[in-house]
C-alpha atoms as a PDB file:
ATOM      1  CA  MET A   1      20.430  10.806   4.807  1.00  0.00           C
ATOM      2  CA  ASP A   2      23.014   7.897   6.710  1.00  0.00           C
ATOM      3  CA  PRO A   3      25.680   7.589   4.726  1.00  0.00           C
ATOM      4  CA  ALA A   4      25.624   3.264   5.914  1.00  0.00           C
ATOM      5  CA  SER A   5      22.409   3.330   4.482  1.00  0.00           C
ATOM      6  CA  ALA A   6      22.756   4.723   1.140  1.00  0.00           C
ATOM      7  CA  PRO A   7      21.606   2.838  -1.806  1.00  0.00           C
ATOM      8  CA  THR A   8      24.051   0.502  -3.901  1.00  0.00           C
ATOM      9  CA  SER A   9      24.492   1.129  -7.644  1.00  0.00           C
ATOM     10  CA  ARG A  10      23.266  -1.073 -10.070  1.00  0.00           C
ATOM     11  CA  ARG A  11      26.511  -1.268 -12.375  1.00  0.00           C
ATOM     12  CA  ARG A  12      28.591  -4.084 -11.191  1.00  0.00           C
ATOM     13  CA  LEU A  13      32.171  -2.775 -10.336  1.00  0.00           C
ATOM     14  CA  ARG A  14      35.065  -3.726 -12.702  1.00  0.00           C
ATOM     15  CA  PRO A  15      36.987  -6.887 -11.413  1.00  0.00           C
ATOM     16  CA  GLY A  16      40.219  -5.285  -9.700  1.00  0.00           C
ATOM     17  CA  ILE A  17      38.963  -1.957  -8.273  1.00  0.00           C
ATOM     18  CA  GLY A  18      39.795  -3.422  -4.971  1.00  0.00           C
ATOM     19  CA  THR A  19      37.720  -3.711  -1.677  1.00  0.00           C
ATOM     20  CA  VAL A  20      38.737   0.393  -0.326  1.00  0.00           C
ATOM     21  CA  ALA A  21      36.954   0.906  -3.693  1.00  0.00           C
ATOM     22  CA  LEU A  22      33.867  -0.934  -2.955  1.00  0.00           C
ATOM     23  CA  LEU A  23      33.725   0.635   0.598  1.00  0.00           C
ATOM     24  CA  ALA A  24      33.823   3.881  -0.920  1.00  0.00           C
ATOM     25  CA  ALA A  25      30.810   3.141  -2.884  1.00  0.00           C
ATOM     26  CA  VAL A  26      28.727   2.398  -0.678  1.00  0.00           C
ATOM     27  CA  VAL A  27      29.745   4.533   2.477  1.00  0.00           C
ATOM     28  CA  VAL A  28      29.557   8.024   0.458  1.00  0.00           C
ATOM     29  CA  SER A  29      26.765  10.065   0.650  1.00  0.00           C
ATOM     30  CA  SER A  30      26.798  13.726  -0.273  1.00  0.00           C
ATOM     31  CA  VAL A  31      28.987  13.218  -3.882  1.00  0.00           C
ATOM     32  CA  GLY A  32      27.301  10.060  -4.784  1.00  0.00           C
ATOM     33  CA  LEU A  33      28.443   6.172  -5.586  1.00  0.00           C
ATOM     34  CA  VAL A  34      31.568   6.573  -6.898  1.00  0.00           C
ATOM     35  CA  SER A  35      30.631   4.212  -9.838  1.00  0.00           C
ATOM     36  CA  CYS A  36      28.347   7.126 -10.531  1.00  0.00           C
ATOM     37  CA  GLN A  37      30.469   9.594 -11.325  1.00  0.00           C
ATOM     38  CA  SER A  38      28.828  11.790 -14.220  1.00  0.00           C
ATOM     39  CA  GLY A  39      31.149  12.746 -16.635  1.00  0.00           C
ATOM     40  CA  GLY A  40      29.120  13.841 -19.549  1.00  0.00           C
ATOM     41  CA  GLY A  41      29.424  11.758 -23.252  1.00  0.00           C
ATOM     42  CA  ASP A  42      27.842   8.451 -23.147  1.00  0.00           C
ATOM     43  CA  ARG A  43      26.909   7.597 -19.755  1.00  0.00           C
ATOM     44  CA  VAL A  44      23.900   8.839 -17.487  1.00  0.00           C
ATOM     45  CA  THR A  45      23.316   8.572 -14.072  1.00  0.00           C
ATOM     46  CA  VAL A  46      19.824   7.578 -12.780  1.00  0.00           C
ATOM     47  CA  TYR A  47      18.682   8.543  -9.119  1.00  0.00           C
ATOM     48  CA  SER A  48      15.974   5.596  -9.026  1.00  0.00           C
ATOM     49  CA  GLY A  49      12.968   5.421  -6.448  1.00  0.00           C
ATOM     50  CA  ARG A  50      11.693   2.655  -8.827  1.00  0.00           C
ATOM     51  CA  SER A  51      13.308  -0.515  -7.368  1.00  0.00           C
ATOM     52  CA  GLU A  52      15.628  -2.465  -9.646  1.00  0.00           C
ATOM     53  CA  GLN A  53      12.972  -5.206 -10.358  1.00  0.00           C
ATOM     54  CA  LEU A  54      10.310  -2.689 -11.801  1.00  0.00           C
ATOM     55  CA  VAL A  55      13.103  -0.932 -13.736  1.00  0.00           C
ATOM     56  CA  GLY A  56      16.105  -2.642 -14.239  1.00  0.00           C
ATOM     57  CA  THR A  57      15.233  -4.316 -17.577  1.00  0.00           C
ATOM     58  CA  ILE A  58      13.358  -1.554 -19.196  1.00  0.00           C
ATOM     59  CA  LEU A  59      17.117   0.500 -18.079  1.00  0.00           C
ATOM     60  CA  ASP A  60      19.207  -2.702 -19.303  1.00  0.00           C
ATOM     61  CA  ARG A  61      17.175  -2.297 -22.697  1.00  0.00           C
ATOM     62  CA  PHE A  62      17.897   1.579 -23.017  1.00  0.00           C
ATOM     63  CA  GLU A  63      21.451   0.769 -22.939  1.00  0.00           C
ATOM     64  CA  GLU A  64      21.839  -1.977 -25.576  1.00  0.00           C
ATOM     65  CA  ALA A  65      19.087   0.334 -27.899  1.00  0.00           C
ATOM     66  CA  THR A  66      21.098   3.711 -27.689  1.00  0.00           C
ATOM     67  CA  GLY A  67      24.534   2.266 -26.357  1.00  0.00           C
ATOM     68  CA  ILE A  68      24.872   4.840 -23.417  1.00  0.00           C
ATOM     69  CA  SER A  69      25.762   3.073 -20.273  1.00  0.00           C
ATOM     70  CA  VAL A  70      23.499   3.787 -17.284  1.00  0.00           C
ATOM     71  CA  ASP A  71      24.339   4.085 -13.626  1.00  0.00           C
ATOM     72  CA  VAL A  72      21.541   3.528 -10.965  1.00  0.00           C
ATOM     73  CA  ARG A  73      21.591   4.479  -7.326  1.00  0.00           C
ATOM     74  CA  TYR A  74      18.373   3.011  -6.092  1.00  0.00           C
ATOM     75  CA  GLY A  75      16.396   4.088  -2.873  1.00  0.00           C
ATOM     76  CA  ASP A  76      13.092   5.601  -1.825  1.00  0.00           C
ATOM     77  CA  SER A  77      12.228   8.345  -3.732  1.00  0.00           C
ATOM     78  CA  SER A  78      11.506  11.046  -0.720  1.00  0.00           C
ATOM     79  CA  ASP A  79      15.464  10.053   0.714  1.00  0.00           C
ATOM     80  CA  LEU A  80      16.601  10.256  -2.804  1.00  0.00           C
ATOM     81  CA  ALA A  81      14.983  13.683  -3.467  1.00  0.00           C
ATOM     82  CA  LEU A  82      16.397  15.341   0.060  1.00  0.00           C
ATOM     83  CA  LEU A  83      19.722  13.724  -1.050  1.00  0.00           C
ATOM     84  CA  ILE A  84      19.751  15.319  -4.093  1.00  0.00           C
ATOM     85  CA  THR A  85      19.193  18.984  -2.377  1.00  0.00           C
ATOM     86  CA  GLU A  86      22.187  18.111   0.010  1.00  0.00           C
ATOM     87  CA  GLU A  87      24.313  17.473  -3.215  1.00  0.00           C
ATOM     88  CA  GLY A  88      23.265  20.647  -5.055  1.00  0.00           C
ATOM     89  CA  ASP A  89      25.285  21.363  -8.270  1.00  0.00           C
ATOM     90  CA  ARG A  90      27.673  18.612  -6.978  1.00  0.00           C
ATOM     91  CA  SER A  91      25.084  15.630  -7.515  1.00  0.00           C
ATOM     92  CA  PRO A  92      25.961  13.009  -9.776  1.00  0.00           C
ATOM     93  CA  ALA A  93      22.412  12.407 -10.809  1.00  0.00           C
ATOM     94  CA  ASP A  94      21.333  13.366 -14.531  1.00  0.00           C
ATOM     95  CA  VAL A  95      17.980  11.720 -14.395  1.00  0.00           C
ATOM     96  CA  PHE A  96      15.836  11.290 -11.466  1.00  0.00           C
ATOM     97  CA  LEU A  97      13.033   8.418 -12.069  1.00  0.00           C
ATOM     98  CA  SER A  98      10.261   9.160  -8.637  1.00  0.00           C
ATOM     99  CA  GLN A  99       8.381   6.212  -7.741  1.00  0.00           C
ATOM    100  CA  SER A 100       6.076   9.236  -6.057  1.00  0.00           C
ATOM    101  CA  PRO A 101       4.589  12.275  -7.504  1.00  0.00           C
ATOM    102  CA  GLY A 102       5.282  14.169  -4.397  1.00  0.00           C
ATOM    103  CA  ALA A 103       8.710  13.581  -4.413  1.00  0.00           C
ATOM    104  CA  VAL A 104       9.877  14.526  -8.068  1.00  0.00           C
ATOM    105  CA  GLY A 105       7.328  17.742  -7.103  1.00  0.00           C
ATOM    106  CA  PHE A 106       9.290  18.167  -4.268  1.00  0.00           C
ATOM    107  CA  LEU A 107      12.412  19.110  -6.400  1.00  0.00           C
ATOM    108  CA  ASP A 108      10.631  20.756  -8.808  1.00  0.00           C
ATOM    109  CA  SER A 109       9.328  23.654  -6.149  1.00  0.00           C
ATOM    110  CA  LYS A 110      13.071  23.775  -5.322  1.00  0.00           C
ATOM    111  CA  ALA A 111      14.266  24.839  -8.826  1.00  0.00           C
ATOM    112  CA  VAL A 112      16.637  21.708  -9.346  1.00  0.00           C
ATOM    113  CA  LEU A 113      14.948  20.312 -12.225  1.00  0.00           C
ATOM    114  CA  ALA A 114      15.300  21.311 -15.996  1.00  0.00           C
ATOM    115  CA  GLU A 115      11.931  21.870 -18.543  1.00  0.00           C
ATOM    116  CA  LEU A 116      11.593  19.411 -20.722  1.00  0.00           C
ATOM    117  CA  PRO A 117      10.717  19.647 -24.590  1.00  0.00           C
ATOM    118  CA  ASP A 118       7.255  19.874 -25.466  1.00  0.00           C
ATOM    119  CA  SER A 119       8.468  16.561 -28.127  1.00  0.00           C
ATOM    120  CA  ILE A 120       8.453  14.686 -24.692  1.00  0.00           C
ATOM    121  CA  LEU A 121       5.913  16.792 -22.818  1.00  0.00           C
ATOM    122  CA  ASP A 122       3.156  16.500 -25.159  1.00  0.00           C
ATOM    123  CA  ARG A 123       3.745  12.268 -25.145  1.00  0.00           C
ATOM    124  CA  VAL A 124       1.665  12.324 -21.869  1.00  0.00           C
ATOM    125  CA  ALA A 125      -1.802  14.298 -20.971  1.00  0.00           C
ATOM    126  CA  GLU A 126      -1.338  17.403 -19.294  1.00  0.00           C
ATOM    127  CA  GLN A 127      -2.860  16.081 -15.982  1.00  0.00           C
ATOM    128  CA  PHE A 128       0.105  13.127 -16.248  1.00  0.00           C
ATOM    129  CA  ARG A 129       2.973  16.091 -16.075  1.00  0.00           C
ATOM    130  CA  ALA A 130       4.092  18.763 -14.704  1.00  0.00           C
ATOM    131  CA  ALA A 131       2.707  22.211 -15.500  1.00  0.00           C
ATOM    132  CA  ASP A 132       6.339  24.031 -15.830  1.00  0.00           C
ATOM    133  CA  GLY A 133       7.387  21.578 -17.731  1.00  0.00           C
ATOM    134  CA  ASP A 134       9.564  20.086 -15.582  1.00  0.00           C
ATOM    135  CA  TRP A 135       9.147  16.542 -15.190  1.00  0.00           C
ATOM    136  CA  VAL A 136       6.650  13.733 -16.844  1.00  0.00           C
ATOM    137  CA  GLY A 137       4.638  10.898 -15.894  1.00  0.00           C
ATOM    138  CA  ILE A 138       6.107   7.606 -17.492  1.00  0.00           C
ATOM    139  CA  SER A 139       3.141   5.267 -15.744  1.00  0.00           C
ATOM    140  CA  GLY A 140       0.128   5.256 -13.938  1.00  0.00           C
ATOM    141  CA  ARG A 141      -1.507   3.213 -11.445  1.00  0.00           C
ATOM    142  CA  VAL A 142      -4.922   3.962  -9.600  1.00  0.00           C
ATOM    143  CA  ARG A 143      -5.812   3.498  -5.720  1.00  0.00           C
ATOM    144  CA  VAL A 144      -8.216   0.530  -5.634  1.00  0.00           C
ATOM    145  CA  LEU A 145      -9.458  -1.132  -2.187  1.00  0.00           C
ATOM    146  CA  VAL A 146      -8.995  -4.985  -3.056  1.00  0.00           C
ATOM    147  CA  TYR A 147     -10.886  -7.277  -1.140  1.00  0.00           C
ATOM    148  CA  ASN A 148     -11.673 -10.998  -0.781  1.00  0.00           C
ATOM    149  CA  GLY A 149     -14.192 -12.077  -3.366  1.00  0.00           C
ATOM    150  CA  GLU A 150     -14.779 -15.131  -1.636  1.00  0.00           C
ATOM    151  CA  LYS A 151     -15.864 -13.485   1.943  1.00  0.00           C
ATOM    152  CA  VAL A 152     -17.045 -10.112   0.512  1.00  0.00           C
ATOM    153  CA  ASP A 153     -20.597  -9.486  -1.431  1.00  0.00           C
ATOM    154  CA  PRO A 154     -19.701  -6.813  -4.117  1.00  0.00           C
ATOM    155  CA  GLU A 155     -23.256  -5.385  -3.078  1.00  0.00           C
ATOM    156  CA  GLU A 156     -21.323  -4.553  -0.118  1.00  0.00           C
ATOM    157  CA  LEU A 157     -18.689  -2.526  -1.226  1.00  0.00           C
ATOM    158  CA  PRO A 158     -18.295   0.850   0.348  1.00  0.00           C
ATOM    159  CA  ASP A 159     -19.128   4.096  -1.867  1.00  0.00           C
ATOM    160  CA  SER A 160     -16.188   6.108  -0.477  1.00  0.00           C
ATOM    161  CA  VAL A 161     -12.880   5.796   0.879  1.00  0.00           C
ATOM    162  CA  PHE A 162     -14.276   7.550   3.845  1.00  0.00           C
ATOM    163  CA  ASP A 163     -16.751   4.502   4.708  1.00  0.00           C
ATOM    164  CA  MET A 164     -13.503   2.901   5.633  1.00  0.00           C
ATOM    165  CA  THR A 165     -14.339   4.064   9.220  1.00  0.00           C
ATOM    166  CA  ASP A 166     -17.506   2.570   9.883  1.00  0.00           C
ATOM    167  CA  ALA A 167     -18.055  -0.092  12.775  1.00  0.00           C
ATOM    168  CA  ARG A 168     -19.000  -2.746  10.045  1.00  0.00           C
ATOM    169  CA  VAL A 169     -15.502  -2.967   8.760  1.00  0.00           C
ATOM    170  CA  ALA A 170     -13.588  -2.654  11.986  1.00  0.00           C
ATOM    171  CA  GLY A 171     -10.763  -4.868  12.317  1.00  0.00           C
ATOM    172  CA  ARG A 172     -11.274  -6.184   8.432  1.00  0.00           C
ATOM    173  CA  VAL A 173      -9.272  -3.687   6.544  1.00  0.00           C
ATOM    174  CA  GLY A 174      -5.941  -3.628   6.239  1.00  0.00           C
ATOM    175  CA  VAL A 175      -3.135  -0.330   5.127  1.00  0.00           C
ATOM    176  CA  ALA A 176       0.818   0.113   4.620  1.00  0.00           C
ATOM    177  CA  PRO A 177       1.070   3.393   6.725  1.00  0.00           C
ATOM    178  CA  THR A 178       5.068   3.750   6.031  1.00  0.00           C
ATOM    179  CA  ASN A 179       4.624   2.464   2.398  1.00  0.00           C
ATOM    180  CA  ALA A 180       5.258   5.478   0.030  1.00  0.00           C
ATOM    181  CA  SER A 181       1.962   4.341  -2.139  1.00  0.00           C
ATOM    182  CA  PHE A 182       0.219   5.246   1.158  1.00  0.00           C
ATOM    183  CA  ILE A 183       2.090   7.968   2.122  1.00  0.00           C
ATOM    184  CA  ASP A 184       1.508   9.703  -1.309  1.00  0.00           C
ATOM    185  CA  PHE A 185      -2.350   8.790  -1.619  1.00  0.00           C
ATOM    186  CA  VAL A 186      -2.249  10.354   2.457  1.00  0.00           C
ATOM    187  CA  THR A 187      -0.550  13.421   0.657  1.00  0.00           C
ATOM    188  CA  GLY A 188      -3.526  14.096  -2.209  1.00  0.00           C
ATOM    189  CA  MET A 189      -5.811  13.285   0.466  1.00  0.00           C
ATOM    190  CA  ARG A 190      -4.793  16.240   2.035  1.00  0.00           C
ATOM    191  CA  GLY A 191      -4.474  18.396  -0.910  1.00  0.00           C
ATOM    192  CA  LEU A 192      -8.280  17.553  -1.382  1.00  0.00           C
ATOM    193  CA  VAL A 193     -10.020  17.804   1.921  1.00  0.00           C
ATOM    194  CA  GLY A 194      -7.676  19.506   3.669  1.00  0.00           C
ATOM    195  CA  ASP A 195      -5.244  18.300   6.588  1.00  0.00           C
ATOM    196  CA  ASP A 196      -8.125  18.440   9.547  1.00  0.00           C
ATOM    197  CA  ALA A 197     -10.048  16.050   7.309  1.00  0.00           C
ATOM    198  CA  THR A 198      -7.370  13.875   6.286  1.00  0.00           C
ATOM    199  CA  LEU A 199      -6.522  14.186   9.950  1.00  0.00           C
ATOM    200  CA  GLU A 200      -9.899  12.612  10.752  1.00  0.00           C
ATOM    201  CA  TRP A 201      -9.818  10.121   8.615  1.00  0.00           C
ATOM    202  CA  LEU A 202      -6.890   8.180   9.860  1.00  0.00           C
ATOM    203  CA  GLU A 203      -7.604   8.575  13.433  1.00  0.00           C
ATOM    204  CA  GLY A 204     -10.874   7.215  12.615  1.00  0.00           C
ATOM    205  CA  MET A 205      -9.211   3.950  10.598  1.00  0.00           C
ATOM    206  CA  ARG A 206      -6.981   3.649  13.829  1.00  0.00           C
ATOM    207  CA  ASP A 207      -9.575   3.704  16.081  1.00  0.00           C
ATOM    208  CA  ASN A 208     -12.017   1.064  14.066  1.00  0.00           C
ATOM    209  CA  ASP A 209      -8.438  -0.844  14.918  1.00  0.00           C
ATOM    210  CA  VAL A 210      -6.985  -0.976  11.328  1.00  0.00           C
ATOM    211  CA  ARG A 211      -4.467  -3.866  10.526  1.00  0.00           C
ATOM    212  CA  THR A 212      -0.762  -2.230   9.660  1.00  0.00           C
ATOM    213  CA  TYR A 213       1.444  -4.491   7.038  1.00  0.00           C
ATOM    214  CA  ALA A 214       4.878  -3.101   5.703  1.00  0.00           C
ATOM    215  CA  ASN A 215       4.224  -2.925   2.222  1.00  0.00           C
ATOM    216  CA  ASN A 216       0.898  -3.373  -0.525  1.00  0.00           C
ATOM    217  CA  ILE A 217       2.169  -6.985  -1.445  1.00  0.00           C
ATOM    218  CA  ALA A 218       1.430  -7.713   2.477  1.00  0.00           C
ATOM    219  CA  ILE A 219      -1.738  -6.363   2.065  1.00  0.00           C
ATOM    220  CA  ILE A 220      -2.560  -8.222  -0.711  1.00  0.00           C
ATOM    221  CA  ASP A 221      -1.353 -11.533   0.766  1.00  0.00           C
ATOM    222  CA  ALA A 222      -3.403 -11.027   4.248  1.00  0.00           C
ATOM    223  CA  VAL A 223      -6.341 -10.801   2.059  1.00  0.00           C
ATOM    224  CA  ASN A 224      -5.851 -13.634   0.353  1.00  0.00           C
ATOM    225  CA  ARG A 225      -5.407 -15.732   3.746  1.00  0.00           C
ATOM    226  CA  GLY A 226      -8.567 -14.437   4.811  1.00  0.00           C
ATOM    227  CA  GLU A 227      -6.440 -12.577   7.652  1.00  0.00           C
ATOM    228  CA  ILE A 228      -8.772  -9.351   6.550  1.00  0.00           C
ATOM    229  CA  ASP A 229     -10.975  -8.538   4.395  1.00  0.00           C
ATOM    230  CA  TYR A 230     -10.284  -5.364   2.539  1.00  0.00           C
ATOM    231  CA  GLY A 231      -6.762  -3.038   1.834  1.00  0.00           C
ATOM    232  CA  LEU A 232      -5.933   0.202   0.542  1.00  0.00           C
ATOM    233  CA  VAL A 233      -3.305  -0.524  -2.343  1.00  0.00           C
ATOM    234  CA  ASN A 234      -2.203   0.490  -5.675  1.00  0.00           C
ATOM    235  CA  HIS A 235      -3.953  -1.525  -8.482  1.00  0.00           C
ATOM    236  CA  TYR A 236      -1.106  -3.228 -10.017  1.00  0.00           C
ATOM    237  CA  TYR A 237       0.204  -5.029  -7.356  1.00  0.00           C
ATOM    238  CA  ASN A 238      -3.434  -7.294  -7.470  1.00  0.00           C
ATOM    239  CA  GLU A 239      -3.387  -8.077 -11.155  1.00  0.00           C
ATOM    240  CA  GLN A 240       0.236  -9.488 -10.315  1.00  0.00           C
ATOM    241  CA  ALA A 241      -0.595 -11.419  -7.969  1.00  0.00           C
ATOM    242  CA  LYS A 242      -3.404 -12.763 -10.077  1.00  0.00           C
ATOM    243  CA  ALA A 243      -0.802 -13.173 -13.186  1.00  0.00           C
ATOM    244  CA  GLU A 244       0.667 -15.742 -11.157  1.00  0.00           C
ATOM    245  CA  ASP A 245      -2.097 -17.410  -9.567  1.00  0.00           C
ATOM    246  CA  PRO A 246      -5.658 -16.579 -11.531  1.00  0.00           C
ATOM    247  CA  GLY A 247      -7.076 -18.966  -8.541  1.00  0.00           C
ATOM    248  CA  VAL A 248      -6.373 -16.224  -5.908  1.00  0.00           C
ATOM    249  CA  ALA A 249      -9.609 -14.454  -4.278  1.00  0.00           C
ATOM    250  CA  SER A 250      -8.537 -10.740  -3.872  1.00  0.00           C
ATOM    251  CA  GLU A 251     -10.119  -8.542  -6.733  1.00  0.00           C
ATOM    252  CA  ASN A 252      -9.577  -4.947  -7.290  1.00  0.00           C
ATOM    253  CA  TYR A 253     -12.477  -2.231  -6.565  1.00  0.00           C
ATOM    254  CA  VAL A 254     -12.203   1.510  -7.719  1.00  0.00           C
ATOM    255  CA  PHE A 255     -13.977   3.916  -5.288  1.00  0.00           C
ATOM    256  CA  PRO A 256     -17.067   5.367  -7.644  1.00  0.00           C
ATOM    257  CA  ASP A 257     -17.813   8.963  -8.473  1.00  0.00           C
ATOM    258  CA  GLY A 258     -14.404  10.865  -8.073  1.00  0.00           C
ATOM    259  CA  ASP A 259     -13.841   9.967  -4.735  1.00  0.00           C
ATOM    260  CA  VAL A 260     -10.699   9.982  -3.460  1.00  0.00           C
ATOM    261  CA  GLY A 261      -9.951   6.712  -2.903  1.00  0.00           C
ATOM    262  CA  ALA A 262      -9.377   6.389  -6.923  1.00  0.00           C
ATOM    263  CA  LEU A 263      -6.772   8.767  -7.176  1.00  0.00           C
ATOM    264  CA  ILE A 264      -4.298   8.075  -9.794  1.00  0.00           C
ATOM    265  CA  LEU A 265      -0.746   8.517  -9.288  1.00  0.00           C
ATOM    266  CA  VAL A 266       2.451   8.172 -11.721  1.00  0.00           C
ATOM    267  CA  THR A 267       5.819   7.406 -11.669  1.00  0.00           C
ATOM    268  CA  ALA A 268       7.657  10.311 -13.000  1.00  0.00           C
ATOM    269  CA  ALA A 269      11.120  11.439 -14.499  1.00  0.00           C
ATOM    270  CA  GLY A 270      12.665  14.703 -14.952  1.00  0.00           C
ATOM    271  CA  VAL A 271      16.351  15.998 -15.807  1.00  0.00           C
ATOM    272  CA  LEU A 272      18.737  17.732 -12.811  1.00  0.00           C
ATOM    273  CA  GLU A 273      19.264  21.340 -14.303  1.00  0.00           C
ATOM    274  CA  SER A 274      22.860  20.465 -12.815  1.00  0.00           C
ATOM    275  CA  SER A 275      23.335  17.677 -15.334  1.00  0.00           C
ATOM    276  CA  ASP A 276      26.569  17.228 -17.182  1.00  0.00           C
ATOM    277  CA  ASN A 277      24.509  15.499 -20.248  1.00  0.00           C
ATOM    278  CA  PRO A 278      21.286  17.051 -20.224  1.00  0.00           C
ATOM    279  CA  ALA A 279      21.062  15.451 -23.873  1.00  0.00           C
ATOM    280  CA  ASP A 280      21.396  11.959 -23.137  1.00  0.00           C
ATOM    281  CA  ALA A 281      19.410  12.524 -19.949  1.00  0.00           C
ATOM    282  CA  ARG A 282      16.559  13.583 -22.101  1.00  0.00           C
ATOM    283  CA  ARG A 283      17.165  10.443 -23.978  1.00  0.00           C
ATOM    284  CA  LEU A 284      16.636   8.504 -21.397  1.00  0.00           C
ATOM    285  CA  ILE A 285      12.812   9.566 -20.570  1.00  0.00           C
ATOM    286  CA  GLU A 286      12.009   9.932 -24.260  1.00  0.00           C
ATOM    287  CA  TYR A 287      13.063   5.701 -24.252  1.00  0.00           C
ATOM    288  CA  LEU A 288      10.742   5.792 -20.607  1.00  0.00           C
ATOM    289  CA  LEU A 289       7.615   7.135 -22.715  1.00  0.00           C
ATOM    290  CA  SER A 290       8.627   5.239 -26.067  1.00  0.00           C
ATOM    291  CA  GLU A 291       6.049   1.985 -27.202  1.00  0.00           C
ATOM    292  CA  ASP A 292       8.828  -0.411 -26.434  1.00  0.00           C
ATOM    293  CA  ALA A 293       8.879   0.990 -23.044  1.00  0.00           C
ATOM    294  CA  GLN A 294       5.353   1.154 -22.704  1.00  0.00           C
ATOM    295  CA  GLN A 295       4.247  -1.811 -23.740  1.00  0.00           C
ATOM    296  CA  PHE A 296       6.831  -3.103 -21.020  1.00  0.00           C
ATOM    297  CA  PHE A 297       4.921  -0.964 -17.914  1.00  0.00           C
ATOM    298  CA  ALA A 298       1.753  -2.420 -19.149  1.00  0.00           C
ATOM    299  CA  GLU A 299       2.584  -6.029 -19.589  1.00  0.00           C
ATOM    300  CA  GLU A 300       5.411  -6.508 -17.218  1.00  0.00           C
ATOM    301  CA  THR A 301       4.155  -4.415 -13.767  1.00  0.00           C
ATOM    302  CA  PHE A 302       0.798  -4.186 -14.846  1.00  0.00           C
ATOM    303  CA  GLU A 303       0.407  -0.317 -14.862  1.00  0.00           C
ATOM    304  CA  TYR A 304      -1.335   1.938 -16.741  1.00  0.00           C
ATOM    305  CA  PRO A 305       0.709   2.802 -19.306  1.00  0.00           C
ATOM    306  CA  LEU A 306       0.809   6.870 -20.268  1.00  0.00           C
ATOM    307  CA  ALA A 307       2.404   7.620 -23.526  1.00  0.00           C
ATOM    308  CA  ALA A 308       2.509   5.823 -27.080  1.00  0.00           C
ATOM    309  CA  GLY A 309      -0.707   4.659 -27.373  1.00  0.00           C
ATOM    310  CA  VAL A 310      -0.679   0.989 -25.752  1.00  0.00           C
ATOM    311  CA  GLU A 311      -3.408  -0.237 -23.901  1.00  0.00           C
ATOM    312  CA  PRO A 312      -3.315  -1.510 -20.404  1.00  0.00           C
ATOM    313  CA  VAL A 313      -3.184  -4.932 -19.677  1.00  0.00           C
ATOM    314  CA  VAL A 314      -5.762  -5.075 -16.866  1.00  0.00           C
ATOM    315  CA  ALA A 315      -8.464  -7.414 -16.646  1.00  0.00           C
ATOM    316  CA  ASP A 316     -11.124  -6.004 -14.115  1.00  0.00           C
ATOM    317  CA  LEU A 317     -10.303  -2.828 -14.066  1.00  0.00           C
ATOM    318  CA  PRO A 318     -11.044   0.135 -17.169  1.00  0.00           C
ATOM    319  CA  PRO A 319      -9.090   2.183 -19.284  1.00  0.00           C
ATOM    320  CA  ILE A 320      -7.308   4.937 -17.287  1.00  0.00           C
ATOM    321  CA  ALA A 321      -9.779   7.487 -19.083  1.00  0.00           C
ATOM    322  CA  ASP A 322     -12.589   5.673 -18.105  1.00  0.00           C
ATOM    323  CA  ILE A 323     -11.391   5.925 -14.358  1.00  0.00           C
ATOM    324  CA  GLU A 324     -13.579   8.562 -12.606  1.00  0.00           C
ATOM    325  CA  ALA A 325     -10.882   9.580 -10.672  1.00  0.00           C
ATOM    326  CA  PRO A 326     -10.390  13.157  -8.442  1.00  0.00           C
ATOM    327  CA  SER A 327      -9.327  16.456  -9.640  1.00  0.00           C
ATOM    328  CA  LEU A 328      -5.406  16.705  -8.273  1.00  0.00           C
ATOM    329  CA  GLU A 329      -2.539  18.411 -10.131  1.00  0.00           C
ATOM    330  CA  LEU A 330      -0.238  16.164  -9.119  1.00  0.00           C
ATOM    331  CA  SER A 331       2.739  18.666  -8.768  1.00  0.00           C
ATOM    332  CA  SER A 332       1.034  20.475  -5.452  1.00  0.00           C
ATOM    333  CA  LEU A 333       2.190  16.988  -3.404  1.00  0.00           C
ATOM    334  CA  GLY A 334       5.775  18.327  -3.100  1.00  0.00           C
ATOM    335  CA  ASP A 335       4.355  21.299  -0.801  1.00  0.00           C
ATOM    336  CA  ARG A 336       3.389  18.479   1.704  1.00  0.00           C
ATOM    337  CA  PHE A 337       5.212  15.127   1.159  1.00  0.00           C
ATOM    338  CA  ARG A 338       7.684  15.558   3.699  1.00  0.00           C
ATOM    339  CA  THR A 339       5.122  16.617   6.033  1.00  0.00           C
ATOM    340  CA  THR A 340       2.997  13.519   5.704  1.00  0.00           C
ATOM    341  CA  ARG A 341       4.534  11.145   7.897  1.00  0.00           C
ATOM    342  CA  ALA A 342       4.460  12.814  10.657  1.00  0.00           C
ATOM    343  CA  LEU A 343       0.731  13.377  10.220  1.00  0.00           C
ATOM    344  CA  ILE A 344       0.388   9.496   9.644  1.00  0.00           C
ATOM    345  CA  GLU A 345       2.386   9.239  12.679  1.00  0.00           C
ATOM    346  CA  GLN A 346       0.407  11.683  14.564  1.00  0.00           C
ATOM    347  CA  ALA A 347      -2.740   9.837  14.007  1.00  0.00           C
ATOM    348  CA  GLY A 348      -1.209   6.288  15.861  1.00  0.00           C
ATOM    349  CA  LEU A 349      -0.703   4.580  12.331  1.00  0.00           C
ATOM    350  CA  GLU A 350       2.536   2.864  12.326  1.00  0.00           C
ATOM    351  CA  GLY A 351       3.852   0.331  10.544  1.00  0.00           C
END
């Protein structure tokens, strides 16, 4: 990672630290941020692939509830996972919080995560945690086809994500090829149908004049503007749009019958084997699976809670247990996630 682009810390520097220390916190790469140096005790350092907007509040609540201070380095999940492997035992990180099951699976394959106790693992269904116990899912989201309900007849909705290469939807579909959620989805497709079929689908999307956008939110906005009729996104982005404006035209649709397009992905967390403070690191993960945190993810980010029996707040989707999602070992995504971007670029899909 380029040191100049290193993610910044959530914790504010104390007054009087000075410009030199501030610059050091920005440019340091291999040993982490100055304000994130972990010295054990009542402090944990988190490398978070989830944005501050999505998890900052719940980390504040953990601090208030436990008295344990939290320092956070925000960034792309894949970049942070690679940084952790570069830092090795010198990493200041105690916890890796990943937007991507692929990124945490990659770290698991590198044997840098510590096994979590059953008291944490048993809070989540087996399909949403690592088989070896080294990471656990925190919240879930299902891949959906968002569509403009004012322009698309529900009877015309496709049966499979592979139908999105049909000529009848040419130029009407949007994707975000450089976005982490799309990369996760394509990585999952590779695991389910193989690289050849995945590349064929990507090239078919390109040849069908797919429209490309920077992220899921941009796709939702384009659907609501009538610029495109369909988009491939994670479900909760449209739930957020509808909560802000119930009059929007965008609707979520889950591909049926275990289709690849209905893949369920998770936000995941693990404790680094090199952590100086594993006990407090585990307490943070326990808190993320507590009723308070799970309720936050349900009500504030509109994701599927994975623990504590908290009900989701998604008006137009079934409970996660009722979704006919394809069966995929999420840890297997770690073997492929580093090469998925190259496959997408090979197909000529670029944002």
